[in-house]
N, C-alpha and C. Protein backbone atom coordinates (compact mmCIF):
# COMPACT_ATOMS: atom_id res chain seq x y z
N UNK A 1 75.27 126.86 118.11
CA UNK A 1 76.66 127.19 117.93
C UNK A 1 77.15 126.86 116.58
N UNK A 2 77.90 127.73 115.95
CA UNK A 2 78.32 127.42 114.57
C UNK A 2 79.59 126.59 114.63
N UNK A 3 79.89 125.97 113.46
CA UNK A 3 81.11 125.16 113.34
C UNK A 3 82.37 125.95 113.60
N UNK A 4 82.47 127.18 113.23
CA UNK A 4 83.59 128.07 113.44
C UNK A 4 83.84 128.17 115.01
N UNK A 5 82.81 128.30 115.72
CA UNK A 5 83.01 128.42 117.20
C UNK A 5 83.59 127.16 117.79
N UNK A 6 83.21 125.96 117.25
CA UNK A 6 83.83 124.74 117.76
C UNK A 6 85.36 124.70 117.48
N UNK A 7 85.74 125.14 116.25
CA UNK A 7 87.15 125.11 115.85
C UNK A 7 87.99 126.17 116.72
N UNK A 8 87.34 127.33 117.00
CA UNK A 8 88.07 128.30 117.78
C UNK A 8 88.30 127.84 119.22
N UNK A 9 87.52 126.96 119.71
CA UNK A 9 87.64 126.48 121.14
C UNK A 9 88.75 125.44 121.26
N UNK A 10 89.23 124.90 120.15
CA UNK A 10 90.32 123.92 120.23
C UNK A 10 91.61 124.56 120.42
N UNK A 11 92.42 124.14 121.31
CA UNK A 11 93.73 124.77 121.57
C UNK A 11 94.69 124.38 120.56
N UNK A 12 95.42 125.27 119.99
CA UNK A 12 96.50 124.95 118.99
C UNK A 12 95.98 124.65 117.60
N UNK A 13 94.76 124.99 117.26
CA UNK A 13 94.23 124.63 115.99
C UNK A 13 94.83 125.41 114.83
N UNK A 14 95.43 126.55 115.10
CA UNK A 14 95.99 127.39 114.08
C UNK A 14 97.19 126.78 113.37
N UNK A 15 97.80 125.77 113.90
CA UNK A 15 99.02 125.16 113.33
C UNK A 15 98.63 124.25 112.10
N UNK A 16 97.44 123.71 112.09
CA UNK A 16 97.05 122.76 111.11
C UNK A 16 96.94 123.36 109.65
N UNK A 17 96.42 124.55 109.49
CA UNK A 17 96.48 125.17 108.13
C UNK A 17 97.89 125.38 107.64
N UNK A 18 98.76 125.82 108.58
CA UNK A 18 100.13 126.00 108.23
C UNK A 18 100.87 124.73 107.79
N UNK A 19 100.62 123.65 108.54
CA UNK A 19 101.20 122.33 108.19
C UNK A 19 100.69 121.90 106.89
N UNK A 20 99.41 121.99 106.60
CA UNK A 20 98.83 121.55 105.35
C UNK A 20 99.38 122.37 104.16
N UNK A 21 99.56 123.70 104.40
CA UNK A 21 100.15 124.53 103.30
C UNK A 21 101.61 124.11 103.01
N UNK A 22 102.36 123.83 104.03
CA UNK A 22 103.79 123.43 103.85
C UNK A 22 103.79 122.06 103.11
N UNK A 23 102.94 121.16 103.49
CA UNK A 23 102.90 119.84 102.81
C UNK A 23 102.53 120.04 101.33
N UNK A 24 101.57 120.89 101.04
CA UNK A 24 101.09 121.16 99.64
C UNK A 24 102.18 121.75 98.85
N UNK A 25 102.85 122.79 99.31
CA UNK A 25 103.94 123.48 98.64
C UNK A 25 105.09 122.48 98.39
N UNK A 26 105.45 121.72 99.41
CA UNK A 26 106.53 120.78 99.28
C UNK A 26 106.20 119.70 98.19
N UNK A 27 105.03 119.17 98.24
CA UNK A 27 104.70 118.16 97.21
C UNK A 27 104.68 118.71 95.86
N UNK A 28 104.01 119.92 95.69
CA UNK A 28 103.95 120.58 94.38
C UNK A 28 105.42 120.91 93.86
N UNK A 29 106.28 121.37 94.75
CA UNK A 29 107.64 121.65 94.33
C UNK A 29 108.35 120.42 93.91
N UNK A 30 108.22 119.30 94.62
CA UNK A 30 108.92 118.05 94.27
C UNK A 30 108.38 117.56 92.88
N UNK A 31 107.07 117.58 92.64
CA UNK A 31 106.52 117.13 91.38
C UNK A 31 107.06 118.05 90.29
N UNK A 32 107.15 119.32 90.47
CA UNK A 32 107.60 120.24 89.47
C UNK A 32 109.10 119.92 89.17
N UNK A 33 109.92 119.70 90.13
CA UNK A 33 111.30 119.36 89.90
C UNK A 33 111.43 118.06 89.20
N UNK A 34 110.56 117.05 89.51
CA UNK A 34 110.62 115.74 88.87
C UNK A 34 110.36 115.92 87.39
N UNK A 35 109.32 116.75 87.07
CA UNK A 35 108.96 116.93 85.63
C UNK A 35 110.00 117.73 84.92
N UNK A 36 110.58 118.76 85.54
CA UNK A 36 111.56 119.57 84.83
C UNK A 36 112.91 118.88 84.68
N UNK A 37 113.30 118.11 85.61
CA UNK A 37 114.60 117.42 85.62
C UNK A 37 114.58 115.97 85.11
N UNK A 38 113.37 115.48 84.86
CA UNK A 38 113.17 114.14 84.51
C UNK A 38 113.75 113.82 83.09
N UNK A 39 113.82 112.42 82.85
CA UNK A 39 114.29 111.95 81.60
C UNK A 39 113.25 112.22 80.51
N UNK A 40 113.61 113.02 79.49
CA UNK A 40 112.63 113.37 78.44
C UNK A 40 112.19 112.20 77.60
N UNK A 41 113.20 111.27 77.36
CA UNK A 41 112.80 110.09 76.58
C UNK A 41 111.81 109.23 77.32
N UNK A 42 111.99 109.05 78.62
CA UNK A 42 111.08 108.31 79.39
C UNK A 42 109.63 108.94 79.33
N UNK A 43 109.54 110.31 79.49
CA UNK A 43 108.27 110.92 79.41
C UNK A 43 107.62 110.78 78.03
N UNK A 44 108.45 110.73 77.02
CA UNK A 44 107.91 110.58 75.64
C UNK A 44 107.35 109.23 75.42
N UNK A 45 108.06 108.18 76.00
CA UNK A 45 107.49 106.86 75.93
C UNK A 45 106.15 106.74 76.69
N UNK A 46 106.08 107.32 77.87
CA UNK A 46 104.89 107.30 78.64
C UNK A 46 103.72 108.05 77.93
N UNK A 47 104.01 109.06 77.19
CA UNK A 47 102.99 109.88 76.53
C UNK A 47 102.38 109.04 75.40
N UNK A 48 103.08 108.12 74.78
CA UNK A 48 102.56 107.29 73.65
C UNK A 48 102.07 105.96 74.10
N UNK A 49 102.08 105.64 75.34
CA UNK A 49 101.62 104.34 75.83
C UNK A 49 100.19 103.94 75.39
N UNK A 50 99.19 104.77 75.58
CA UNK A 50 97.87 104.29 75.22
C UNK A 50 97.66 104.00 73.83
N UNK A 51 98.40 104.66 72.90
CA UNK A 51 98.15 104.47 71.46
C UNK A 51 99.28 103.71 70.81
N UNK A 52 100.25 103.29 71.58
CA UNK A 52 101.41 102.56 70.94
C UNK A 52 100.99 101.20 70.53
N UNK A 53 101.52 100.73 69.38
CA UNK A 53 101.26 99.39 68.92
C UNK A 53 102.45 98.48 69.20
N UNK A 54 103.49 99.02 69.77
CA UNK A 54 104.62 98.17 70.15
C UNK A 54 104.39 97.42 71.40
N UNK A 55 105.34 96.60 71.74
CA UNK A 55 105.30 95.85 73.04
C UNK A 55 105.28 96.81 74.17
N UNK A 56 104.71 96.48 75.30
CA UNK A 56 104.69 97.31 76.50
C UNK A 56 106.13 97.45 77.01
N UNK A 57 106.37 98.52 77.70
CA UNK A 57 107.73 98.82 78.25
C UNK A 57 108.09 97.77 79.28
């Protein structure tokens, strides 16, 4: 018996791909909003952290 046949025998298995897609789109959307609406000065400081010779933030 193939793995696909095992999954088809589980009742209500079709909802899990939909739930994972909704979680992925929600997370991706929130991260996109955070980057677009975020404080540009803060992101600029973070981009120079590894090579900055100043005191840490």
